[in-house]
Protein backbone atom coordinates (compact mmCIF):
# COMPACT_ATOMS: atom_id res chain seq x y z
CA UNK A 1 -51.18 48.65 -24.33
CA UNK A 2 -51.73 52.77 -24.78
CA UNK A 3 -55.30 53.26 -25.61
CA UNK A 4 -54.84 57.03 -25.92
CA UNK A 5 -52.95 60.06 -24.80
CA UNK A 6 -53.77 63.22 -23.56
CA UNK A 7 -52.41 66.72 -24.00
CA UNK A 8 -52.83 69.51 -22.06
CA UNK A 9 -51.75 73.19 -22.87
CA UNK A 10 -52.42 76.08 -21.34
CA UNK A 11 -52.31 80.04 -22.31
CA UNK A 12 -51.43 82.76 -20.73
CA UNK A 13 -54.57 85.16 -19.72
CA UNK A 14 -54.77 88.61 -18.38
CA UNK A 15 -57.54 90.29 -16.72
CA UNK A 16 -58.73 92.62 -14.32
CA UNK A 17 -61.30 92.98 -11.61
CA UNK A 18 -63.81 96.07 -11.16
CA UNK A 19 -65.33 96.36 -7.69
CA UNK A 20 -67.80 99.01 -7.18
CA UNK A 21 -70.48 99.83 -4.56
CA UNK A 22 -73.70 101.86 -4.38
CA UNK A 23 -75.28 102.73 -1.09
CA UNK A 24 -78.91 101.98 -1.67
CA UNK A 25 -80.48 103.08 1.23
CA UNK A 26 -78.79 103.57 5.05
CA UNK A 27 -76.86 100.98 5.39
CA UNK A 28 -77.75 98.84 2.41
CA UNK A 29 -75.31 98.19 -0.60
CA UNK A 30 -75.57 97.42 -3.93
CA UNK A 31 -71.96 95.34 -4.92
CA UNK A 32 -71.33 95.30 -8.72
CA UNK A 33 -68.09 93.04 -9.89
CA UNK A 34 -67.04 92.87 -13.23
CA UNK A 35 -64.22 90.38 -14.45
CA UNK A 36 -62.75 91.28 -17.37
CA UNK A 37 -60.33 89.40 -20.10
CA UNK A 38 -57.68 91.72 -21.25
CA UNK A 39 -55.79 88.90 -22.78
CA UNK A 40 -54.81 90.41 -26.35
CA UNK A 41 -55.96 87.60 -29.53
CA UNK A 42 -55.16 89.08 -32.67
CA UNK A 43 -56.58 88.07 -35.59
CA UNK A 44 -59.61 86.46 -33.88
CA UNK A 45 -61.99 86.33 -36.86
CA UNK A 46 -59.08 83.72 -38.41
CA UNK A 47 -58.48 81.56 -34.99
CA UNK A 48 -60.57 78.54 -34.44
CA UNK A 49 -62.71 78.04 -31.07
CA UNK A 50 -60.40 76.05 -29.46
CA UNK A 51 -57.60 79.04 -29.80
CA UNK A 52 -60.55 81.01 -28.15
CA UNK A 53 -60.97 78.86 -25.57
CA UNK A 54 -57.57 78.55 -24.42
CA UNK A 55 -57.61 82.68 -23.84
CA UNK A 56 -60.90 82.64 -22.48
CA UNK A 57 -62.53 82.99 -18.58
CA UNK A 58 -64.57 80.43 -19.01
CA UNK A 59 -66.15 78.98 -15.52
CA UNK A 60 -64.87 82.35 -13.75
CA UNK A 61 -67.23 82.84 -10.74
CA UNK A 62 -67.79 85.41 -8.00
CA UNK A 63 -67.82 84.72 -4.62
CA UNK A 64 -69.11 87.65 -2.54
CA UNK A 65 -69.36 87.15 1.30
CA UNK A 66 -71.33 89.25 4.32
CA UNK A 67 -69.62 90.01 7.38
CA UNK A 68 -72.21 89.22 10.10
CA UNK A 69 -75.07 87.82 8.50
CA UNK A 70 -76.95 87.28 5.08
CA UNK A 71 -79.16 89.43 2.84
CA UNK A 72 -82.35 88.44 4.77
CA UNK A 73 -80.60 89.59 8.02
CA UNK A 74 -80.16 93.13 6.26
CA UNK A 75 -83.23 93.30 5.37
CA UNK A 76 -85.27 92.60 8.43
CA UNK A 77 -82.89 94.13 10.78
CA UNK A 78 -85.27 96.49 13.16
CA UNK A 79 -88.67 94.85 11.96
CA UNK A 80 -90.85 94.20 14.65
CA UNK A 81 -92.11 90.54 14.14
CA UNK A 82 -94.83 88.30 16.05
CA UNK A 83 -93.49 84.65 16.98
CA UNK A 84 -95.96 82.01 14.97
CA UNK A 85 -94.37 78.81 16.03
CA UNK A 86 -91.21 77.39 17.71
CA UNK A 87 -89.78 74.61 16.20
CA UNK A 88 -87.24 72.06 16.20
CA UNK A 89 -84.87 70.77 13.23
CA UNK A 90 -83.79 67.09 13.01
CA UNK A 91 -80.52 67.98 14.61
CA UNK A 92 -82.25 69.13 17.33
CA UNK A 93 -81.92 72.59 17.26
CA UNK A 94 -84.61 75.56 18.24
CA UNK A 95 -85.72 77.60 15.87
CA UNK A 96 -88.43 80.22 16.10
CA UNK A 97 -90.57 81.02 13.06
CA UNK A 98 -91.70 84.40 13.00
CA UNK A 99 -94.29 87.18 10.98
CA UNK A 100 -93.48 90.34 10.44
CA UNK A 101 -96.28 92.88 11.90
CA UNK A 102 -95.94 95.15 9.03
CA UNK A 103 -96.08 92.22 6.37
CA UNK A 104 -99.47 93.05 4.31
CA UNK A 105 -99.56 89.32 3.69
CA UNK A 106 -99.21 88.58 7.72
CA UNK A 107 -102.08 86.33 7.43
CA UNK A 108 -100.41 83.96 5.04
CA UNK A 109 -97.21 83.73 7.61
CA UNK A 110 -99.86 82.68 10.06
CA UNK A 111 -101.08 80.20 7.94
CA UNK A 112 -97.63 78.87 7.47
CA UNK A 113 -97.08 79.85 3.85
CA UNK A 114 -93.31 80.35 2.36
CA UNK A 115 -92.03 83.73 2.00
CA UNK A 116 -93.98 85.16 5.08
CA UNK A 117 -92.32 83.19 7.48
CA UNK A 118 -88.89 83.86 8.89
CA UNK A 119 -86.77 81.38 10.64
CA UNK A 120 -84.32 82.72 13.65
CA UNK A 121 -82.39 81.26 16.40
CA UNK A 122 -83.52 82.39 19.99
CA UNK A 123 -80.05 84.00 20.36
CA UNK A 124 -81.04 86.15 17.50
CA UNK A 125 -84.21 87.38 18.64
CA UNK A 126 -84.70 90.52 20.79
CA UNK A 127 -87.76 90.95 23.08
CA UNK A 128 -89.87 94.71 22.11
CA UNK A 129 -91.32 96.63 25.07
CA UNK A 130 -94.81 96.78 24.65
């Protein structure tokens, strides 16, 4: 017994990707990615929504990666911090919770408030000569 029949169609899509980088400050770049739909679509005003969707870039995603760390690694590079606590997670890994010396909200970090403590593995920390 056949209850229904699903028919799938595909249409050719043309596109382009534009990538630009702008140095915001020394070693920190702002990356812009534009995904352009260049698919010809004549008489768009007389076409149905479904016809337009067949030639659209719906659900197109851009995934950016960073070699050697994430955005916080870049923002915190070279900063001096105080180790507020040594913590162990549920996988038995050790992490150091640090508070930046020059953070105006340093007292909040020492009170373990969110946004003012940062977590690093012991290997990521370098001692500072006093």
